[in-house]
Amino acid sequence: MKTIKLIKSTLLALSVVAMTASCSDFLDVNDNPNDPSISTPGLTLPVAQTDFAALNARTMTYVGQFFIYNWATPSNWSANQEFPRYNITTTFNTAIFETSYAVIFKNLTYIENYEDATGAIDFSSYKVIAKTIKGFQYQYLVDIYGDIPYTEANLRGANTTPKYDDAETVYKQVIDELTAAAELALNLPENAEDPGSQDVIFGGDMVKWAQFANSIKLRMLVRLSNTGQDAYIKGEIAKINANNAGYITEDVAANPGYSDNAEKQNPFYGYFRNPSTNSQTDRGDYTVATDFTINYLTGTADLRRQRLYAPAATGGAYKGVYQSTLLPGTGFTSNDLSKVGPGLLKSHAQDQNIMLVAECLLLQAEAVQRGYIAAGSAEALYYEAIEASFTTLGVTDAVVAAQTYYAQPLPNVSWASSPNKFQAISTQKWIALNGTSSIELWVEYTRTGFPVGLPIPAESGGVRPVRLLYPASEIARNSANVPTLTNQDAFTKAPFWK
């Protein structure tokens, strides 16, 4: 994946991010979002993309990793206590909702609405990008919250209390928007502006944006597999086939020019390592592997273990621990346990992955297995996905190592040895997305129940969350429209597609 560096105008955009993307002016009724005085799509786009990548890299990945039981907290830290207790309240990780609307959607809506006053320049390529990123993020908001503001959202001063739309209706409207985005990407007007390096994800490559839109859409369609809407799903996949762009063929990643400086590091890397010194942050010390995940990877001779996790500082073994706030001290401190590994923490300048090609291949494998996609081999796609995962994580001789791994006659490793193909696909997704797009793993577990045997923390009450609650800030400012939920609803009110 090539790294796309920011040009001077992008650096200017980042310097004015407080003016273009701060939460404080979310409800500012004095600004006209369609007639800004300080920005253009070229300046705003990298800001929106960088914020989007950071939210997915940090808050969304961290929540996903704990809810899918990949990470735990050692005995010498009291951090993260809300996770093993599943203390889901209106103040729990509210940034997923708030940053999406107040920051990311604000800038993307500005891009979508922007028109050149002279009419000489067409910004359709920017609109493609905005629609696609919105589609990605709206999908997760529905998956995580259910009903959300959509048709009246992002109007700022024109409507500061938007209505909440039905979750399934939003899903299908987003699918339509992704269809339109892919079509527009492949049929731009002749005077369409090329975003070039202002696009810090694909460098303005519209074919890749069409492929990304198709891939997000496929994820959403597969998510609907339990809803009895096979005819609808097949019809929408036929539209993907008709545009001939296909699906992503490389990891989708952002890089606005991450560097070894304060607040300029790759956002995931910066969660765990300090700039300049490369020393461990507190979070880097109190984020460790779970016993279940380490034992599973060890038991299947999976070399991805040494890339997803680091050997313990004391003793050098790969060791995890159960999620709990009541751990004994001896043998369970941060130095006794495996922390986040070198395949995830490569450098301060590493690309920030958004959607892995391994995930997309597994989605295609499931779609073929379910009969949604007529062409192709589910088995071949499954094996290609495992090879892609080994490659992304930087396993030595990745393809050969992957082939040796899946040649083992083990269920959920070898296709032939897996009686439940959907379980095999989901289990491999659980491994491939560990530490990357991990919110997807929690959502997928809600849909499929895989991987089997996933523990639940003793302090949690024995039930895993299936959604988050709307933020207290949103309830306060939009009380007439926010659906009423109880804390118990976080465990019982599953997404509509469940």
Protein backbone atom coordinates (compact mmCIF):
# COMPACT_ATOMS: atom_id res chain seq x y z
CA MET A 1 0.00 0.00 0.00
CA LYS A 2 1.63 3.22 -1.02
CA THR A 3 1.89 6.12 1.39
CA ILE A 4 0.38 9.33 0.12
CA LYS A 5 2.02 12.44 1.48
CA LEU A 6 0.22 15.69 2.06
CA ILE A 7 0.94 18.62 -0.20
CA LYS A 8 1.07 22.14 1.15
CA SER A 9 -2.64 22.79 0.85
CA THR A 10 -3.39 19.66 2.86
CA LEU A 11 -1.08 20.82 5.60
CA LEU A 12 -2.98 24.08 5.57
CA ALA A 13 -6.20 22.15 5.93
CA LEU A 14 -4.90 20.37 8.99
CA SER A 15 -3.80 23.67 10.49
CA VAL A 16 -7.34 24.99 10.26
CA VAL A 17 -9.00 21.79 11.43
CA ALA A 18 -10.31 23.57 14.51
CA MET A 19 -12.22 25.93 12.25
CA THR A 20 -13.52 23.30 9.87
CA ALA A 21 -14.14 20.27 12.05
CA SER A 22 -14.47 21.04 15.75
CA CYS A 23 -17.32 19.77 17.88
CA SER A 24 -17.81 23.20 19.42
CA ASP A 25 -19.48 24.65 16.33
CA PHE A 26 -21.66 21.62 15.63
CA LEU A 27 -24.81 23.59 16.35
CA ASP A 28 -23.53 27.01 15.24
CA VAL A 29 -26.53 28.58 13.51
CA ASN A 30 -24.53 31.52 12.22
CA ASP A 31 -22.50 29.48 9.72
CA ASN A 32 -23.83 28.59 6.31
CA PRO A 33 -22.28 25.19 5.51
CA ASN A 34 -23.00 25.72 1.80
CA ASP A 35 -21.14 29.01 1.58
CA PRO A 36 -17.93 28.75 3.64
CA SER A 37 -15.44 31.56 3.52
CA ILE A 38 -12.28 29.63 4.36
CA SER A 39 -12.29 26.24 2.68
CA THR A 40 -12.77 24.15 -0.45
CA PRO A 41 -13.33 20.41 -1.01
CA GLY A 42 -9.59 20.04 -1.60
CA LEU A 43 -8.81 21.47 1.82
CA THR A 44 -11.63 19.77 3.66
CA LEU A 45 -11.29 16.25 2.25
CA PRO A 46 -8.01 15.22 3.93
CA VAL A 47 -9.30 16.57 7.25
CA ALA A 48 -12.45 14.45 7.00
CA GLN A 49 -10.50 11.38 5.93
CA THR A 50 -7.94 11.78 8.70
CA ASP A 51 -10.65 12.15 11.37
CA PHE A 52 -12.49 9.16 9.91
CA ALA A 53 -9.36 7.00 10.00
CA ALA A 54 -8.52 8.07 13.56
CA LEU A 55 -11.98 7.26 14.95
CA ASN A 56 -11.92 3.79 13.41
CA ALA A 57 -8.31 3.23 14.49
CA ARG A 58 -8.82 4.14 18.11
CA THR A 59 -12.22 4.17 19.79
CA MET A 60 -13.95 1.76 17.42
CA THR A 61 -11.08 -0.72 17.37
CA TYR A 62 -10.60 -0.59 21.13
CA VAL A 63 -14.28 -1.22 21.87
CA GLY A 64 -14.34 -4.04 19.33
CA GLN A 65 -11.22 -5.70 20.71
CA PHE A 66 -12.61 -5.87 24.24
CA PHE A 67 -16.13 -6.91 23.27
CA ILE A 68 -14.79 -9.69 21.05
CA TYR A 69 -12.41 -10.78 23.84
CA ASN A 70 -9.08 -10.15 22.09
CA TRP A 71 -7.63 -7.75 24.67
CA ALA A 72 -7.62 -7.58 28.45
CA THR A 73 -6.14 -5.45 31.25
CA PRO A 74 -3.28 -6.69 33.51
CA SER A 75 -3.46 -6.84 37.30
CA ASN A 76 -1.22 -3.82 37.91
CA TRP A 77 -3.64 -1.42 36.22
CA SER A 78 -7.18 -0.34 37.09
CA ALA A 79 -7.90 1.03 33.59
CA ASN A 80 -10.70 -0.22 31.34
CA GLN A 81 -12.87 -1.45 34.20
CA GLU A 82 -16.06 -0.67 32.29
CA PHE A 83 -15.15 -3.31 29.69
CA PRO A 84 -15.13 -6.54 31.73
CA ARG A 85 -18.14 -5.23 33.64
CA TYR A 86 -19.95 -4.39 30.38
CA ASN A 87 -20.94 -1.12 32.00
CA ILE A 88 -22.85 0.22 28.99
CA THR A 89 -24.31 3.63 29.82
CA THR A 90 -25.08 6.86 27.97
CA THR A 91 -21.51 8.02 28.68
CA PHE A 92 -19.73 4.87 27.44
CA ASN A 93 -17.46 5.60 24.43
CA THR A 94 -19.73 8.32 23.07
CA ALA A 95 -17.11 9.45 20.53
CA ILE A 96 -18.36 6.86 18.02
CA PHE A 97 -21.68 8.70 17.70
CA GLU A 98 -20.55 12.25 18.44
CA THR A 99 -17.44 12.36 16.27
CA SER A 100 -19.29 10.77 13.36
CA TYR A 101 -21.93 13.50 13.30
CA ALA A 102 -20.16 16.54 14.72
CA VAL A 103 -16.87 16.15 12.88
CA ILE A 104 -16.76 13.60 10.06
CA PHE A 105 -20.25 13.99 8.59
CA LYS A 106 -20.06 17.75 8.97
CA ASN A 107 -17.06 17.97 6.66
CA LEU A 108 -18.28 15.31 4.26
CA THR A 109 -21.64 17.06 3.92
CA TYR A 110 -19.85 20.30 3.15
CA ILE A 111 -17.94 18.51 0.40
CA GLU A 112 -21.12 16.99 -1.02
CA ASN A 113 -22.89 20.35 -1.10
CA TYR A 114 -20.04 22.40 -2.50
CA GLU A 115 -20.54 23.95 -5.92
CA ASP A 116 -18.01 26.00 -7.86
CA ALA A 117 -19.41 29.51 -8.22
CA THR A 118 -18.13 29.81 -11.78
CA GLY A 119 -19.35 26.39 -12.87
CA ALA A 120 -15.98 25.71 -14.47
CA ILE A 121 -14.96 22.97 -12.05
CA ASP A 122 -16.98 19.86 -11.27
CA PHE A 123 -16.46 18.26 -7.86
CA SER A 124 -18.15 14.91 -8.57
CA SER A 125 -15.02 12.95 -7.62
CA TYR A 126 -15.10 14.54 -4.18
CA LYS A 127 -18.79 13.69 -3.86
CA VAL A 128 -17.98 10.04 -4.64
CA ILE A 129 -15.47 9.98 -1.80
CA ALA A 130 -17.82 11.72 0.62
CA LYS A 131 -20.71 9.36 -0.16
CA THR A 132 -18.51 6.29 0.22
CA ILE A 133 -17.03 7.27 3.56
CA LYS A 134 -20.46 8.28 4.81
CA GLY A 135 -21.77 4.88 3.76
CA PHE A 136 -19.03 3.10 5.68
CA GLN A 137 -19.69 5.09 8.85
CA TYR A 138 -23.49 5.09 8.65
CA GLN A 139 -23.44 1.32 8.37
CA TYR A 140 -21.66 1.05 11.71
CA LEU A 141 -23.88 3.61 13.38
CA VAL A 142 -26.90 1.48 12.47
CA ASP A 143 -25.11 -1.71 13.53
CA ILE A 144 -24.15 -0.20 16.87
CA TYR A 145 -27.09 2.09 17.72
CA GLY A 146 -30.10 1.02 15.61
CA ASP A 147 -32.31 3.92 14.55
CA ILE A 148 -30.25 7.04 13.84
CA PRO A 149 -30.64 10.52 12.30
CA TYR A 150 -30.29 10.26 8.52
CA THR A 151 -32.74 12.15 6.32
CA GLU A 152 -32.61 15.24 8.56
CA ALA A 153 -29.02 14.82 9.71
CA ASN A 154 -26.10 17.13 8.93
CA LEU A 155 -28.25 20.23 8.38
CA ARG A 156 -26.62 22.05 11.31
CA GLY A 157 -28.39 25.34 11.96
CA ALA A 158 -31.25 24.44 9.61
CA ASN A 159 -32.25 21.57 11.92
CA THR A 160 -30.45 21.02 15.22
CA THR A 161 -32.91 18.34 16.38
CA PRO A 162 -33.13 15.82 13.52
CA LYS A 163 -35.61 12.97 13.58
CA TYR A 164 -34.44 9.38 13.96
CA ASP A 165 -34.99 7.14 10.96
CA ASP A 166 -35.78 3.45 11.03
CA ALA A 167 -32.58 1.38 11.03
CA GLU A 168 -33.49 -0.88 8.10
CA THR A 169 -34.65 2.07 6.04
CA VAL A 170 -31.32 3.82 6.64
CA TYR A 171 -29.42 0.66 5.71
CA LYS A 172 -31.16 0.37 2.37
CA GLN A 173 -30.82 4.07 1.60
CA VAL A 174 -27.09 3.81 2.34
CA ILE A 175 -26.88 0.83 -0.01
CA ASP A 176 -28.52 2.97 -2.70
CA GLU A 177 -26.03 5.79 -2.04
CA LEU A 178 -23.11 3.37 -2.37
CA THR A 179 -24.55 2.12 -5.65
CA ALA A 180 -24.77 5.69 -6.90
CA ALA A 181 -21.25 6.49 -5.66
CA ALA A 182 -19.72 3.58 -7.56
CA GLU A 183 -21.64 4.49 -10.72
CA LEU A 184 -20.58 8.14 -10.51
CA ALA A 185 -16.95 7.17 -9.83
CA LEU A 186 -16.86 5.28 -13.11
CA ASN A 187 -18.69 7.95 -15.13
CA LEU A 188 -17.29 11.31 -14.06
CA PRO A 189 -17.92 14.48 -16.09
CA GLU A 190 -15.01 15.59 -18.25
CA ASN A 191 -14.39 18.67 -16.10
CA ALA A 192 -14.34 16.73 -12.83
CA GLU A 193 -11.57 17.86 -10.50
CA ASP A 194 -8.96 15.19 -9.71
CA PRO A 195 -8.43 15.12 -5.92
CA GLY A 196 -4.92 13.74 -6.42
CA SER A 197 -2.90 13.71 -3.22
CA GLN A 198 -5.64 15.58 -1.37
CA ASP A 199 -7.28 12.14 -1.24
CA VAL A 200 -5.14 10.49 1.43
CA ILE A 201 -6.71 7.07 0.89
CA PHE A 202 -6.55 6.34 -2.86
CA GLY A 203 -4.82 9.39 -4.31
CA GLY A 204 -7.85 10.22 -6.46
CA ASP A 205 -8.11 6.78 -8.10
CA MET A 206 -11.83 6.60 -8.85
CA VAL A 207 -11.80 2.92 -9.85
CA LYS A 208 -10.53 2.09 -6.37
CA TRP A 209 -13.26 4.23 -4.85
CA ALA A 210 -15.85 2.32 -6.87
CA GLN A 211 -14.35 -0.95 -5.63
CA PHE A 212 -14.44 0.31 -2.05
CA ALA A 213 -18.08 1.37 -2.38
CA ASN A 214 -18.90 -2.07 -3.81
CA SER A 215 -17.07 -3.77 -0.93
CA ILE A 216 -18.88 -1.81 1.79
CA LYS A 217 -22.14 -2.59 0.04
CA LEU A 218 -21.30 -6.31 -0.05
CA ARG A 219 -20.60 -6.24 3.69
CA MET A 220 -24.02 -4.71 4.30
CA LEU A 221 -25.77 -7.20 2.02
CA VAL A 222 -24.11 -10.17 3.73
CA ARG A 223 -25.16 -8.64 7.05
CA LEU A 224 -28.77 -9.01 5.85
CA SER A 225 -28.41 -12.76 5.31
CA ASN A 226 -30.62 -13.65 8.30
CA THR A 227 -33.50 -11.38 7.26
CA GLY A 228 -35.09 -13.53 4.55
CA GLN A 229 -34.35 -10.97 1.83
CA ASP A 230 -32.29 -13.13 -0.52
CA ALA A 231 -34.00 -11.76 -3.63
CA TYR A 232 -33.14 -8.20 -2.61
CA ILE A 233 -29.55 -9.17 -1.80
CA LYS A 234 -29.05 -10.91 -5.14
CA GLY A 235 -30.56 -7.95 -6.97
CA GLU A 236 -28.17 -5.53 -5.33
CA ILE A 237 -25.18 -7.78 -6.00
CA ALA A 238 -26.29 -7.85 -9.65
CA LYS A 239 -25.87 -4.05 -9.64
CA ILE A 240 -22.34 -4.46 -8.33
CA ASN A 241 -21.61 -6.93 -11.11
CA ALA A 242 -23.06 -4.51 -13.66
CA ASN A 243 -20.62 -1.71 -12.88
CA ASN A 244 -17.68 -4.07 -13.54
CA ALA A 245 -15.41 -2.45 -10.95
CA GLY A 246 -15.34 -5.49 -8.70
CA TYR A 247 -14.16 -5.35 -5.10
CA ILE A 248 -11.05 -4.04 -3.36
CA THR A 249 -7.83 -5.84 -4.28
CA GLU A 250 -5.61 -4.22 -1.63
CA ASP A 251 -6.02 -3.07 1.94
CA VAL A 252 -7.88 0.23 2.13
CA ALA A 253 -5.76 2.57 4.22
CA ALA A 254 -5.28 6.26 4.91
CA ASN A 255 -1.98 8.07 5.25
CA PRO A 256 -1.96 11.88 5.29
CA GLY A 257 1.77 11.89 5.98
CA TYR A 258 1.99 10.40 9.46
CA SER A 259 5.29 11.25 11.13
CA ASP A 260 7.18 10.82 14.37
CA ASN A 261 5.84 13.98 15.97
CA ALA A 262 3.27 14.75 18.63
CA GLU A 263 -0.28 14.31 17.30
CA LYS A 264 1.05 13.41 13.84
CA GLN A 265 1.74 9.72 14.35
CA ASN A 266 -0.42 7.03 12.87
CA PRO A 267 -3.41 7.16 15.27
CA PHE A 268 -3.33 3.47 16.20
CA TYR A 269 0.43 3.47 16.68
CA GLY A 270 0.20 6.68 18.71
CA TYR A 271 -2.25 4.99 21.07
CA PHE A 272 0.54 2.67 22.20
CA ARG A 273 3.84 4.47 21.54
CA ASN A 274 5.09 7.96 22.39
CA PRO A 275 6.57 10.15 19.64
CA SER A 276 10.34 10.58 19.30
CA THR A 277 11.28 8.18 22.10
CA ASN A 278 9.08 5.31 20.86
CA SER A 279 8.54 4.52 24.52
CA GLN A 280 5.40 2.75 25.60
CA THR A 281 2.33 4.82 26.49
CA ASP A 282 0.28 3.89 29.53
CA ARG A 283 -2.26 2.33 27.18
CA GLY A 284 0.53 0.30 25.62
CA ASP A 285 1.31 -1.10 29.06
CA TYR A 286 -2.26 -1.82 30.16
CA THR A 287 -3.46 -3.45 26.92
CA VAL A 288 -2.62 -7.15 26.82
CA ALA A 289 -3.77 -10.35 25.13
CA THR A 290 -6.53 -12.58 26.40
CA ASP A 291 -5.90 -16.20 27.28
CA PHE A 292 -8.61 -17.40 24.87
CA THR A 293 -7.05 -15.70 21.85
CA ILE A 294 -3.46 -16.72 22.62
CA ASN A 295 -4.52 -20.32 23.32
CA TYR A 296 -6.51 -20.51 20.10
CA LEU A 297 -3.69 -19.18 17.93
CA THR A 298 -1.16 -21.43 19.67
CA GLY A 299 -3.37 -24.49 19.36
CA THR A 300 -3.69 -24.06 15.60
CA ALA A 301 0.02 -23.31 15.05
CA ASP A 302 -0.93 -19.92 13.65
CA LEU A 303 2.15 -17.79 13.00
CA ARG A 304 0.00 -14.68 13.05
CA ARG A 305 0.21 -14.96 16.84
CA GLN A 306 3.75 -13.53 16.80
CA ARG A 307 2.59 -10.56 14.73
CA LEU A 308 -0.65 -9.82 16.59
CA TYR A 309 1.04 -10.10 20.00
CA ALA A 310 4.50 -9.63 21.50
CA PRO A 311 6.20 -12.13 23.81
CA ALA A 312 5.94 -11.24 27.49
CA ALA A 313 8.75 -9.06 28.83
CA THR A 314 9.23 -11.55 31.67
CA GLY A 315 10.07 -15.01 30.38
CA GLY A 316 9.45 -14.33 26.68
CA ALA A 317 6.39 -16.58 26.37
CA TYR A 318 3.16 -15.73 24.62
CA LYS A 319 0.68 -15.44 27.45
CA GLY A 320 -2.79 -13.95 27.83
CA VAL A 321 -5.20 -13.43 30.67
CA TYR A 322 -8.94 -13.53 31.21
CA GLN A 323 -10.87 -10.25 31.22
CA SER A 324 -11.46 -9.25 34.82
CA THR A 325 -11.02 -6.45 37.33
CA LEU A 326 -10.11 -9.00 40.02
CA LEU A 327 -6.87 -10.55 38.78
CA PRO A 328 -4.26 -11.94 41.18
CA GLY A 329 -1.02 -9.98 41.09
CA THR A 330 1.69 -12.59 40.63
CA GLY A 331 2.04 -13.73 37.04
CA PHE A 332 -0.61 -11.36 35.69
CA THR A 333 1.11 -7.98 35.54
CA SER A 334 1.78 -6.19 32.26
CA ASN A 335 5.34 -7.58 32.10
CA ASP A 336 4.03 -11.13 32.50
CA LEU A 337 1.66 -10.91 29.56
CA SER A 338 1.73 -10.40 25.79
CA LYS A 339 1.01 -6.90 24.57
CA VAL A 340 0.04 -5.55 21.15
CA GLY A 341 2.41 -7.03 18.60
CA PRO A 342 4.76 -5.87 15.84
CA GLY A 343 2.40 -6.79 13.01
CA LEU A 344 0.01 -4.12 14.29
CA LEU A 345 2.59 -1.63 15.59
CA LYS A 346 4.99 -1.30 12.67
CA SER A 347 5.99 2.37 12.75
CA HIS A 348 4.76 5.88 13.52
CA ALA A 349 4.31 6.41 9.76
CA GLN A 350 2.42 3.20 8.99
CA ASP A 351 -0.73 3.33 6.89
CA GLN A 352 -3.95 3.33 8.91
CA ASN A 353 -5.95 0.36 7.69
CA ILE A 354 -9.68 0.91 7.23
CA MET A 355 -10.86 -2.23 5.41
CA LEU A 356 -8.63 -5.22 4.80
CA VAL A 357 -8.68 -7.15 1.56
CA ALA A 358 -8.77 -10.30 3.74
CA GLU A 359 -12.17 -9.24 5.06
CA CYS A 360 -13.49 -8.53 1.59
CA LEU A 361 -12.36 -11.94 0.34
CA LEU A 362 -14.10 -13.63 3.28
CA LEU A 363 -17.25 -11.64 2.52
CA GLN A 364 -17.09 -12.88 -1.05
CA ALA A 365 -16.53 -16.45 0.18
CA GLU A 366 -19.67 -16.23 2.31
CA ALA A 367 -21.66 -14.66 -0.51
CA VAL A 368 -20.63 -17.47 -2.86
CA GLN A 369 -21.40 -20.11 -0.23
CA ARG A 370 -24.87 -18.62 0.30
CA GLY A 371 -25.54 -18.46 -3.43
CA TYR A 372 -25.58 -14.65 -3.60
CA ILE A 373 -22.60 -14.61 -5.97
CA ALA A 374 -22.85 -17.20 -8.73
CA ALA A 375 -19.25 -17.18 -9.96
CA GLY A 376 -16.13 -18.14 -8.06
CA SER A 377 -15.10 -20.70 -5.47
CA ALA A 378 -15.81 -20.09 -1.80
CA GLU A 379 -12.89 -22.36 -0.89
CA ALA A 380 -10.43 -20.50 -3.12
CA LEU A 381 -11.57 -17.13 -1.76
CA TYR A 382 -11.26 -18.43 1.80
CA TYR A 383 -7.67 -19.53 1.26
CA GLU A 384 -6.80 -16.33 -0.59
CA ALA A 385 -8.13 -14.38 2.41
CA ILE A 386 -5.89 -16.27 4.83
CA GLU A 387 -2.88 -15.60 2.61
CA ALA A 388 -3.80 -11.91 2.47
CA SER A 389 -4.04 -11.80 6.28
CA PHE A 390 -0.61 -13.34 6.70
CA THR A 391 0.74 -10.79 4.21
CA THR A 392 -0.86 -7.77 5.88
CA LEU A 393 0.56 -8.77 9.25
CA GLY A 394 4.04 -9.25 7.84
CA VAL A 395 4.50 -12.95 8.59
CA THR A 396 7.81 -14.16 7.11
CA ASP A 397 7.30 -15.87 3.73
CA ALA A 398 3.63 -15.02 4.18
CA VAL A 399 2.03 -17.03 1.38
CA VAL A 400 4.03 -20.19 2.05
CA ALA A 401 3.38 -19.84 5.79
CA ALA A 402 -0.34 -19.39 5.16
CA GLN A 403 -0.45 -22.46 2.91
CA THR A 404 1.31 -24.54 5.56
CA TYR A 405 -1.17 -23.27 8.12
CA TYR A 406 -4.34 -24.06 6.21
CA ALA A 407 -3.02 -27.44 5.05
CA GLN A 408 -3.54 -28.67 8.62
CA PRO A 409 -6.63 -30.90 8.82
CA LEU A 410 -8.24 -28.73 11.47
CA PRO A 411 -11.81 -27.37 11.53
CA ASN A 412 -12.01 -23.64 10.84
CA VAL A 413 -8.50 -23.81 9.39
CA SER A 414 -8.76 -26.24 6.49
CA TRP A 415 -11.82 -25.70 4.33
CA ALA A 416 -12.27 -29.42 3.73
CA SER A 417 -12.02 -30.16 7.45
CA SER A 418 -14.65 -27.56 8.37
CA PRO A 419 -18.16 -29.04 8.55
CA ASN A 420 -19.67 -25.57 9.06
CA LYS A 421 -18.26 -23.33 6.33
CA PHE A 422 -19.82 -20.18 7.78
CA GLN A 423 -18.17 -20.88 11.12
CA ALA A 424 -14.83 -21.29 9.36
CA ILE A 425 -15.26 -17.99 7.50
CA SER A 426 -16.27 -16.11 10.66
CA THR A 427 -13.47 -17.63 12.72
CA GLN A 428 -10.87 -16.62 10.14
CA LYS A 429 -12.36 -13.13 10.07
CA TRP A 430 -11.98 -12.99 13.86
CA ILE A 431 -8.27 -13.69 13.46
CA ALA A 432 -7.65 -11.49 10.41
CA LEU A 433 -9.32 -8.38 11.85
CA ASN A 434 -7.77 -8.66 15.32
CA GLY A 435 -6.55 -5.12 16.04
CA THR A 436 -7.87 -3.77 12.74
CA SER A 437 -11.51 -2.86 12.11
CA SER A 438 -12.27 -4.81 15.27
CA ILE A 439 -15.68 -3.19 15.70
CA GLU A 440 -16.61 -5.42 12.76
CA LEU A 441 -15.77 -8.50 14.82
CA TRP A 442 -18.13 -7.57 17.64
CA VAL A 443 -20.93 -6.78 15.20
CA GLU A 444 -20.30 -10.03 13.30
CA TYR A 445 -20.37 -12.02 16.53
CA THR A 446 -23.82 -10.59 17.20
CA ARG A 447 -24.89 -11.81 13.74
CA THR A 448 -23.23 -15.24 13.70
CA GLY A 449 -22.29 -16.31 17.22
CA PHE A 450 -18.78 -17.17 16.01
CA PRO A 451 -16.13 -17.86 17.17
CA VAL A 452 -17.65 -20.59 19.30
CA GLY A 453 -16.74 -20.65 22.97
CA LEU A 454 -15.90 -16.97 23.28
CA PRO A 455 -15.76 -16.29 27.04
CA ILE A 456 -17.80 -13.68 28.86
CA PRO A 457 -16.18 -11.83 31.80
CA ALA A 458 -17.37 -13.02 35.20
CA GLU A 459 -18.27 -9.46 36.32
CA SER A 460 -20.38 -8.80 33.23
CA GLY A 461 -23.57 -10.52 34.30
CA GLY A 462 -23.14 -13.25 31.71
CA VAL A 463 -24.53 -11.47 28.64
CA ARG A 464 -22.52 -9.77 25.90
CA PRO A 465 -23.70 -6.33 24.65
CA VAL A 466 -25.42 -6.21 21.26
CA ARG A 467 -25.54 -2.41 20.95
CA LEU A 468 -24.49 0.86 22.55
CA LEU A 469 -26.77 3.48 24.07
CA TYR A 470 -27.27 6.95 22.60
CA PRO A 471 -24.92 9.51 24.18
CA ALA A 472 -26.17 11.63 27.06
CA SER A 473 -25.21 14.73 25.05
CA GLU A 474 -27.52 13.70 22.22
CA ILE A 475 -30.34 12.88 24.61
CA ALA A 476 -29.96 16.32 26.20
CA ARG A 477 -30.09 18.30 22.96
CA ASN A 478 -32.53 16.14 20.98
CA SER A 479 -34.69 14.56 23.64
CA ALA A 480 -37.89 14.74 21.60
CA ASN A 481 -36.45 12.46 18.92
CA VAL A 482 -33.95 10.13 20.57
CA PRO A 483 -35.49 6.67 21.09
CA THR A 484 -35.98 5.79 24.74
CA LEU A 485 -33.75 2.95 25.91
CA THR A 486 -32.83 1.37 29.21
CA ASN A 487 -29.39 0.10 30.17
CA GLN A 488 -30.71 -3.43 29.75
CA ASP A 489 -31.55 -2.71 26.11
CA ALA A 490 -27.80 -2.72 25.38
CA PHE A 491 -27.95 -6.50 25.95
CA THR A 492 -31.38 -7.39 24.60
CA LYS A 493 -32.29 -5.02 21.75
CA ALA A 494 -30.33 -6.54 18.89
CA PRO A 495 -29.88 -4.92 15.46
CA PHE A 496 -32.75 -5.34 13.01
CA TRP A 497 -30.74 -7.81 10.90
CA LYS A 498 -30.20 -10.22 13.81
